[in-house]
Amino acid sequence: QGWFAAVVAEVDVWSPSWDDMTSALGVNAS
């Protein structure tokens, strides 16, 4: 969350998968 807050304001196109995001954020959901 801190990493995204530091970097993503400079990102125009962001294209991860659901698995990428949930594994990074510790989210357990379908």
PDB file of all heavy atoms in Angstrom:
ATOM      1  N   GLN A   1       0.842  -1.203   0.000  1.00  0.00           N
ATOM      2  CA  GLN A   1       0.000   0.000   0.000  1.00  0.00           C
ATOM      3  C   GLN A   1       0.874   1.249   0.000  1.00  0.00           C
ATOM      4  O   GLN A   1       0.607   2.205  -0.738  1.00  0.00           O
ATOM      5  CB  GLN A   1      -0.933  -0.006   1.206  1.00  0.00           C
ATOM      6  CG  GLN A   1      -1.991  -1.087   1.158  1.00  0.00           C
ATOM      7  CD  GLN A   1      -3.129  -0.829   2.124  1.00  0.00           C
ATOM      8  OE1 GLN A   1      -3.913   0.086   1.929  1.00  0.00           O
ATOM      9  NE2 GLN A   1      -3.222  -1.647   3.158  1.00  0.00           N
ATOM     10  N   GLY A   2       1.922   1.238   0.818  1.00  0.00           N
ATOM     11  CA  GLY A   2       2.848   2.369   0.824  1.00  0.00           C
ATOM     12  C   GLY A   2       3.612   2.485  -0.477  1.00  0.00           C
ATOM     13  O   GLY A   2       3.863   3.588  -0.970  1.00  0.00           O
ATOM     14  N   TRP A   3       3.970   1.336  -1.051  1.00  0.00           N
ATOM     15  CA  TRP A   3       4.701   1.319  -2.323  1.00  0.00           C
ATOM     16  C   TRP A   3       3.837   1.923  -3.427  1.00  0.00           C
ATOM     17  O   TRP A   3       4.299   2.781  -4.195  1.00  0.00           O
ATOM     18  CB  TRP A   3       5.076  -0.120  -2.663  1.00  0.00           C
ATOM     19  CG  TRP A   3       6.121  -0.302  -3.719  1.00  0.00           C
ATOM     20  CD1 TRP A   3       7.446  -0.530  -3.522  1.00  0.00           C
ATOM     21  CD2 TRP A   3       5.921  -0.290  -5.144  1.00  0.00           C
ATOM     22  NE1 TRP A   3       8.093  -0.668  -4.735  1.00  0.00           N
ATOM     23  CE2 TRP A   3       7.173  -0.524  -5.748  1.00  0.00           C
ATOM     24  CE3 TRP A   3       4.813  -0.102  -5.962  1.00  0.00           C
ATOM     25  CZ2 TRP A   3       7.344  -0.569  -7.121  1.00  0.00           C
ATOM     26  CZ3 TRP A   3       4.986  -0.145  -7.336  1.00  0.00           C
ATOM     27  CH2 TRP A   3       6.237  -0.378  -7.905  1.00  0.00           C
ATOM     28  N   PHE A   4       2.579   1.498  -3.494  1.00  0.00           N
ATOM     29  CA  PHE A   4       1.677   2.045  -4.506  1.00  0.00           C
ATOM     30  C   PHE A   4       1.465   3.542  -4.300  1.00  0.00           C
ATOM     31  O   PHE A   4       1.423   4.316  -5.264  1.00  0.00           O
ATOM     32  CB  PHE A   4       0.336   1.320  -4.472  1.00  0.00           C
ATOM     33  CG  PHE A   4       0.393  -0.131  -4.846  1.00  0.00           C
ATOM     34  CD1 PHE A   4      -0.463  -1.050  -4.261  1.00  0.00           C
ATOM     35  CD2 PHE A   4       1.307  -0.602  -5.787  1.00  0.00           C
ATOM     36  CE1 PHE A   4      -0.420  -2.393  -4.595  1.00  0.00           C
ATOM     37  CE2 PHE A   4       1.376  -1.946  -6.128  1.00  0.00           C
ATOM     38  CZ  PHE A   4       0.503  -2.847  -5.524  1.00  0.00           C
ATOM     39  N   ALA A   5       1.326   3.952  -3.052  1.00  0.00           N
ATOM     40  CA  ALA A   5       1.144   5.383  -2.766  1.00  0.00           C
ATOM     41  C   ALA A   5       2.339   6.189  -3.242  1.00  0.00           C
ATOM     42  O   ALA A   5       2.194   7.347  -3.667  1.00  0.00           O
ATOM     43  CB  ALA A   5       0.910   5.584  -1.269  1.00  0.00           C
ATOM     44  N   ALA A   6       3.541   5.593  -3.187  1.00  0.00           N
ATOM     45  CA  ALA A   6       4.755   6.305  -3.593  1.00  0.00           C
ATOM     46  C   ALA A   6       4.929   6.362  -5.099  1.00  0.00           C
ATOM     47  O   ALA A   6       5.503   7.328  -5.621  1.00  0.00           O
ATOM     48  CB  ALA A   6       5.980   5.633  -2.959  1.00  0.00           C
ATOM     49  N   VAL A   7       4.446   5.346  -5.830  1.00  0.00           N
ATOM     50  CA  VAL A   7       4.781   5.203  -7.253  1.00  0.00           C
ATOM     51  C   VAL A   7       3.622   5.513  -8.192  1.00  0.00           C
ATOM     52  O   VAL A   7       3.806   6.141  -9.244  1.00  0.00           O
ATOM     53  CB  VAL A   7       5.306   3.767  -7.532  1.00  0.00           C
ATOM     54  CG1 VAL A   7       5.508   3.535  -9.029  1.00  0.00           C
ATOM     55  CG2 VAL A   7       6.596   3.516  -6.768  1.00  0.00           C
ATOM     56  N   VAL A   8       2.417   5.090  -7.846  1.00  0.00           N
ATOM     57  CA  VAL A   8       1.349   4.997  -8.839  1.00  0.00           C
ATOM     58  C   VAL A   8       0.827   6.349  -9.308  1.00  0.00           C
ATOM     59  O   VAL A   8       0.266   6.445 -10.404  1.00  0.00           O
ATOM     60  CB  VAL A   8       0.214   4.088  -8.314  1.00  0.00           C
ATOM     61  CG1 VAL A   8      -0.976   4.085  -9.247  1.00  0.00           C
ATOM     62  CG2 VAL A   8       0.738   2.665  -8.137  1.00  0.00           C
ATOM     63  N   ALA A   9       1.037   7.400  -8.548  1.00  0.00           N
ATOM     64  CA  ALA A   9       0.632   8.727  -9.036  1.00  0.00           C
ATOM     65  C   ALA A   9       1.365   9.091 -10.327  1.00  0.00           C
ATOM     66  O   ALA A   9       0.891   9.937 -11.096  1.00  0.00           O
ATOM     67  CB  ALA A   9       0.876   9.784  -7.968  1.00  0.00           C
ATOM     68  N   GLU A  10       2.512   8.441 -10.580  1.00  0.00           N
ATOM     69  CA  GLU A  10       3.274   8.682 -11.812  1.00  0.00           C
ATOM     70  C   GLU A  10       2.993   7.629 -12.882  1.00  0.00           C
ATOM     71  O   GLU A  10       3.658   7.597 -13.914  1.00  0.00           O
ATOM     72  CB  GLU A  10       4.777   8.692 -11.501  1.00  0.00           C
ATOM     73  CG  GLU A  10       5.206   9.712 -10.455  1.00  0.00           C
ATOM     74  CD  GLU A  10       5.093  11.157 -10.946  1.00  0.00           C
ATOM     75  OE1 GLU A  10       4.814  11.372 -12.144  1.00  0.00           O
ATOM     76  OE2 GLU A  10       5.303  12.066 -10.127  1.00  0.00           O
ATOM     77  N   VAL A  11       2.009   6.742 -12.637  1.00  0.00           N
ATOM     78  CA  VAL A  11       1.694   5.656 -13.574  1.00  0.00           C
ATOM     79  C   VAL A  11       0.439   6.011 -14.362  1.00  0.00           C
ATOM     80  O   VAL A  11      -0.607   6.290 -13.783  1.00  0.00           O
ATOM     81  CB  VAL A  11       1.482   4.325 -12.822  1.00  0.00           C
ATOM     82  CG1 VAL A  11       0.996   3.239 -13.784  1.00  0.00           C
ATOM     83  CG2 VAL A  11       2.782   3.890 -12.147  1.00  0.00           C
ATOM     84  N   ASP A  12       0.538   5.991 -15.673  1.00  0.00           N
ATOM     85  CA  ASP A  12      -0.616   6.300 -16.522  1.00  0.00           C
ATOM     86  C   ASP A  12      -1.456   5.063 -16.828  1.00  0.00           C
ATOM     87  O   ASP A  12      -2.686   5.119 -16.779  1.00  0.00           O
ATOM     88  CB  ASP A  12      -0.136   6.947 -17.828  1.00  0.00           C
ATOM     89  CG  ASP A  12       0.586   8.270 -17.589  1.00  0.00           C
ATOM     90  OD1 ASP A  12       0.086   9.076 -16.786  1.00  0.00           O
ATOM     91  OD2 ASP A  12       1.657   8.474 -18.188  1.00  0.00           O
ATOM     92  N   VAL A  13      -0.814   3.956 -17.157  1.00  0.00           N
ATOM     93  CA  VAL A  13      -1.514   2.703 -17.491  1.00  0.00           C
ATOM     94  C   VAL A  13      -1.012   1.624 -16.541  1.00  0.00           C
ATOM     95  O   VAL A  13       0.195   1.351 -16.485  1.00  0.00           O
ATOM     96  CB  VAL A  13      -1.249   2.291 -18.955  1.00  0.00           C
ATOM     97  CG1 VAL A  13      -1.977   0.988 -19.274  1.00  0.00           C
ATOM     98  CG2 VAL A  13      -1.671   3.395 -19.914  1.00  0.00           C
ATOM     99  N   TRP A  14      -1.946   0.985 -15.816  1.00  0.00           N
ATOM    100  CA  TRP A  14      -1.582  -0.014 -14.809  1.00  0.00           C
ATOM    101  C   TRP A  14      -2.341  -1.284 -15.135  1.00  0.00           C
ATOM    102  O   TRP A  14      -3.573  -1.285 -15.164  1.00  0.00           O
ATOM    103  CB  TRP A  14      -1.951   0.521 -13.431  1.00  0.00           C
ATOM    104  CG  TRP A  14      -1.402  -0.253 -12.272  1.00  0.00           C
ATOM    105  CD1 TRP A  14      -0.511  -1.275 -12.309  1.00  0.00           C
ATOM    106  CD2 TRP A  14      -1.696  -0.032 -10.894  1.00  0.00           C
ATOM    107  NE1 TRP A  14      -0.247  -1.712 -11.037  1.00  0.00           N
ATOM    108  CE2 TRP A  14      -0.953  -0.965 -10.148  1.00  0.00           C
ATOM    109  CE3 TRP A  14      -2.535   0.866 -10.219  1.00  0.00           C
ATOM    110  CZ2 TRP A  14      -1.021  -1.037  -8.758  1.00  0.00           C
ATOM    111  CZ3 TRP A  14      -2.599   0.803  -8.837  1.00  0.00           C
ATOM    112  CH2 TRP A  14      -1.835  -0.137  -8.117  1.00  0.00           C
ATOM    113  N   SER A  15      -1.609  -2.399 -15.391  1.00  0.00           N
ATOM    114  CA  SER A  15      -2.274  -3.583 -15.959  1.00  0.00           C
ATOM    115  C   SER A  15      -1.923  -4.885 -15.233  1.00  0.00           C
ATOM    116  O   SER A  15      -1.459  -5.837 -15.866  1.00  0.00           O
ATOM    117  CB  SER A  15      -1.914  -3.707 -17.443  1.00  0.00           C
ATOM    118  OG  SER A  15      -0.491  -3.766 -17.597  1.00  0.00           O
ATOM    119  N   PRO A  16      -2.169  -4.986 -13.943  1.00  0.00           N
ATOM    120  CA  PRO A  16      -1.893  -6.236 -13.230  1.00  0.00           C
ATOM    121  C   PRO A  16      -3.058  -7.221 -13.354  1.00  0.00           C
ATOM    122  O   PRO A  16      -4.115  -6.896 -13.905  1.00  0.00           O
ATOM    123  CB  PRO A  16      -1.745  -5.768 -11.785  1.00  0.00           C
ATOM    124  CG  PRO A  16      -2.730  -4.639 -11.697  1.00  0.00           C
ATOM    125  CD  PRO A  16      -2.680  -3.948 -13.039  1.00  0.00           C
ATOM    126  N   SER A  17      -2.862  -8.398 -12.788  1.00  0.00           N
ATOM    127  CA  SER A  17      -3.952  -9.354 -12.667  1.00  0.00           C
ATOM    128  C   SER A  17      -4.566  -9.253 -11.273  1.00  0.00           C
ATOM    129  O   SER A  17      -3.983  -8.664 -10.353  1.00  0.00           O
ATOM    130  CB  SER A  17      -3.445 -10.781 -12.894  1.00  0.00           C
ATOM    131  OG  SER A  17      -2.647 -11.204 -11.799  1.00  0.00           O
ATOM    132  N   TRP A  18      -5.732  -9.848 -11.127  1.00  0.00           N
ATOM    133  CA  TRP A  18      -6.375  -9.928  -9.809  1.00  0.00           C
ATOM    134  C   TRP A  18      -5.452 -10.629  -8.813  1.00  0.00           C
ATOM    135  O   TRP A  18      -5.296 -10.179  -7.672  1.00  0.00           O
ATOM    136  CB  TRP A  18      -7.698 -10.673  -9.942  1.00  0.00           C
ATOM    137  CG  TRP A  18      -8.377 -10.959  -8.637  1.00  0.00           C
ATOM    138  CD1 TRP A  18      -8.379 -12.136  -7.956  1.00  0.00           C
ATOM    139  CD2 TRP A  18      -9.170 -10.047  -7.858  1.00  0.00           C
ATOM    140  NE1 TRP A  18      -9.102 -12.021  -6.800  1.00  0.00           N
ATOM    141  CE2 TRP A  18      -9.608 -10.752  -6.724  1.00  0.00           C
ATOM    142  CE3 TRP A  18      -9.545  -8.717  -8.026  1.00  0.00           C
ATOM    143  CZ2 TRP A  18     -10.408 -10.176  -5.744  1.00  0.00           C
ATOM    144  CZ3 TRP A  18     -10.349  -8.127  -7.051  1.00  0.00           C
ATOM    145  CH2 TRP A  18     -10.767  -8.847  -5.929  1.00  0.00           C
ATOM    146  N   ASP A  19      -4.817 -11.713  -9.238  1.00  0.00           N
ATOM    147  CA  ASP A  19      -3.907 -12.440  -8.358  1.00  0.00           C
ATOM    148  C   ASP A  19      -2.722 -11.573  -7.941  1.00  0.00           C
ATOM    149  O   ASP A  19      -2.291 -11.616  -6.782  1.00  0.00           O
ATOM    150  CB  ASP A  19      -3.410 -13.707  -9.052  1.00  0.00           C
ATOM    151  CG  ASP A  19      -2.393 -14.459  -8.208  1.00  0.00           C
ATOM    152  OD1 ASP A  19      -2.775 -15.031  -7.170  1.00  0.00           O
ATOM    153  OD2 ASP A  19      -1.212 -14.474  -8.575  1.00  0.00           O
ATOM    154  N   ASP A  20      -2.180 -10.787  -8.875  1.00  0.00           N
ATOM    155  CA  ASP A  20      -1.081  -9.886  -8.530  1.00  0.00           C
ATOM    156  C   ASP A  20      -1.486  -8.945  -7.398  1.00  0.00           C
ATOM    157  O   ASP A  20      -0.758  -8.768  -6.410  1.00  0.00           O
ATOM    158  CB  ASP A  20      -0.669  -9.043  -9.744  1.00  0.00           C
ATOM    159  CG  ASP A  20      -0.160  -9.865 -10.908  1.00  0.00           C
ATOM    160  OD1 ASP A  20       0.269 -11.022 -10.698  1.00  0.00           O
ATOM    161  OD2 ASP A  20      -0.212  -9.348 -12.048  1.00  0.00           O
ATOM    162  N   MET A  21      -2.646  -8.321  -7.559  1.00  0.00           N
ATOM    163  CA  MET A  21      -3.080  -7.323  -6.587  1.00  0.00           C
ATOM    164  C   MET A  21      -3.452  -7.947  -5.245  1.00  0.00           C
ATOM    165  O   MET A  21      -3.092  -7.427  -4.188  1.00  0.00           O
ATOM    166  CB  MET A  21      -4.266  -6.526  -7.149  1.00  0.00           C
ATOM    167  CG  MET A  21      -3.919  -5.635  -8.317  1.00  0.00           C
ATOM    168  SD  MET A  21      -2.620  -4.411  -7.944  1.00  0.00           S
ATOM    169  CE  MET A  21      -3.414  -3.465  -6.622  1.00  0.00           C
ATOM    170  N   THR A  22      -4.176  -9.054  -5.273  1.00  0.00           N
ATOM    171  CA  THR A  22      -4.604  -9.655  -4.010  1.00  0.00           C
ATOM    172  C   THR A  22      -3.416 -10.246  -3.250  1.00  0.00           C
ATOM    173  O   THR A  22      -3.379 -10.199  -2.015  1.00  0.00           O
ATOM    174  CB  THR A  22      -5.677 -10.725  -4.227  1.00  0.00           C
ATOM    175  OG1 THR A  22      -5.200 -11.705  -5.159  1.00  0.00           O
ATOM    176  CG2 THR A  22      -6.964 -10.100  -4.749  1.00  0.00           C
ATOM    177  N   SER A  23      -2.435 -10.811  -3.960  1.00  0.00           N
ATOM    178  CA  SER A  23      -1.262 -11.341  -3.277  1.00  0.00           C
ATOM    179  C   SER A  23      -0.424 -10.214  -2.674  1.00  0.00           C
ATOM    180  O   SER A  23       0.185 -10.377  -1.617  1.00  0.00           O
ATOM    181  CB  SER A  23      -0.408 -12.185  -4.230  1.00  0.00           C
ATOM    182  OG  SER A  23       0.125 -11.410  -5.288  1.00  0.00           O
ATOM    183  N   ALA A  24      -0.394  -9.059  -3.318  1.00  0.00           N
ATOM    184  CA  ALA A  24       0.344  -7.916  -2.778  1.00  0.00           C
ATOM    185  C   ALA A  24      -0.354  -7.314  -1.556  1.00  0.00           C
ATOM    186  O   ALA A  24       0.299  -6.960  -0.562  1.00  0.00           O
ATOM    187  CB  ALA A  24       0.520  -6.853  -3.855  1.00  0.00           C
ATOM    188  N   LEU A  25      -1.673  -7.220  -1.620  1.00  0.00           N
ATOM    189  CA  LEU A  25      -2.427  -6.521  -0.576  1.00  0.00           C
ATOM    190  C   LEU A  25      -2.952  -7.455   0.517  1.00  0.00           C
ATOM    191  O   LEU A  25      -3.560  -6.985   1.483  1.00  0.00           O
ATOM    192  CB  LEU A  25      -3.598  -5.762  -1.208  1.00  0.00           C
ATOM    193  CG  LEU A  25      -3.216  -4.660  -2.191  1.00  0.00           C
ATOM    194  CD1 LEU A  25      -4.451  -4.103  -2.878  1.00  0.00           C
ATOM    195  CD2 LEU A  25      -2.441  -3.544  -1.484  1.00  0.00           C
ATOM    196  N   GLY A  26      -2.720  -8.765   0.356  1.00  0.00           N
ATOM    197  CA  GLY A  26      -3.202  -9.698   1.363  1.00  0.00           C
ATOM    198  C   GLY A  26      -4.706  -9.849   1.369  1.00  0.00           C
ATOM    199  O   GLY A  26      -5.312 -10.090   2.417  1.00  0.00           O
ATOM    200  N   VAL A  27      -5.322  -9.731   0.210  1.00  0.00           N
ATOM    201  CA  VAL A  27      -6.777  -9.855   0.081  1.00  0.00           C
ATOM    202  C   VAL A  27      -7.122 -11.291  -0.281  1.00  0.00           C
ATOM    203  O   VAL A  27      -6.512 -11.881  -1.179  1.00  0.00           O
ATOM    204  CB  VAL A  27      -7.312  -8.895  -1.007  1.00  0.00           C
ATOM    205  CG1 VAL A  27      -8.791  -9.142  -1.259  1.00  0.00           C
ATOM    206  CG2 VAL A  27      -7.063  -7.452  -0.597  1.00  0.00           C
ATOM    207  N   ASN A  28      -8.087 -11.869   0.408  1.00  0.00           N
ATOM    208  CA  ASN A  28      -8.541 -13.229   0.111  1.00  0.00           C
ATOM    209  C   ASN A  28      -9.977 -13.154  -0.383  1.00  0.00           C
ATOM    210  O   ASN A  28     -10.929 -13.148   0.395  1.00  0.00           O
ATOM    211  CB  ASN A  28      -8.447 -14.103   1.360  1.00  0.00           C
ATOM    212  CG  ASN A  28      -8.813 -15.557   1.084  1.00  0.00           C
ATOM    213  OD1 ASN A  28      -8.871 -15.979  -0.075  1.00  0.00           O
ATOM    214  ND2 ASN A  28      -9.076 -16.314   2.132  1.00  0.00           N
ATOM    215  N   ALA A  29     -10.152 -13.058  -1.694  1.00  0.00           N
ATOM    216  CA  ALA A  29     -11.487 -12.901  -2.278  1.00  0.00           C
ATOM    217  C   ALA A  29     -11.468 -13.392  -3.709  1.00  0.00           C
ATOM    218  O   ALA A  29     -10.422 -13.410  -4.371  1.00  0.00           O
ATOM    219  CB  ALA A  29     -11.929 -11.438  -2.236  1.00  0.00           C
ATOM    220  N   SER A  30     -12.622 -13.786  -4.201  1.00  0.00           N
ATOM    221  CA  SER A  30     -12.765 -14.221  -5.584  1.00  0.00           C
ATOM    222  C   SER A  30     -12.969 -13.011  -6.495  1.00  0.00           C
ATOM    223  O   SER A  30     -13.540 -12.000  -6.081  1.00  0.00           O
ATOM    224  CB  SER A  30     -13.962 -15.175  -5.723  1.00  0.00           C
ATOM    225  OG  SER A  30     -13.765 -16.333  -4.945  1.00  0.00           O
TER     226      SER A  30
END
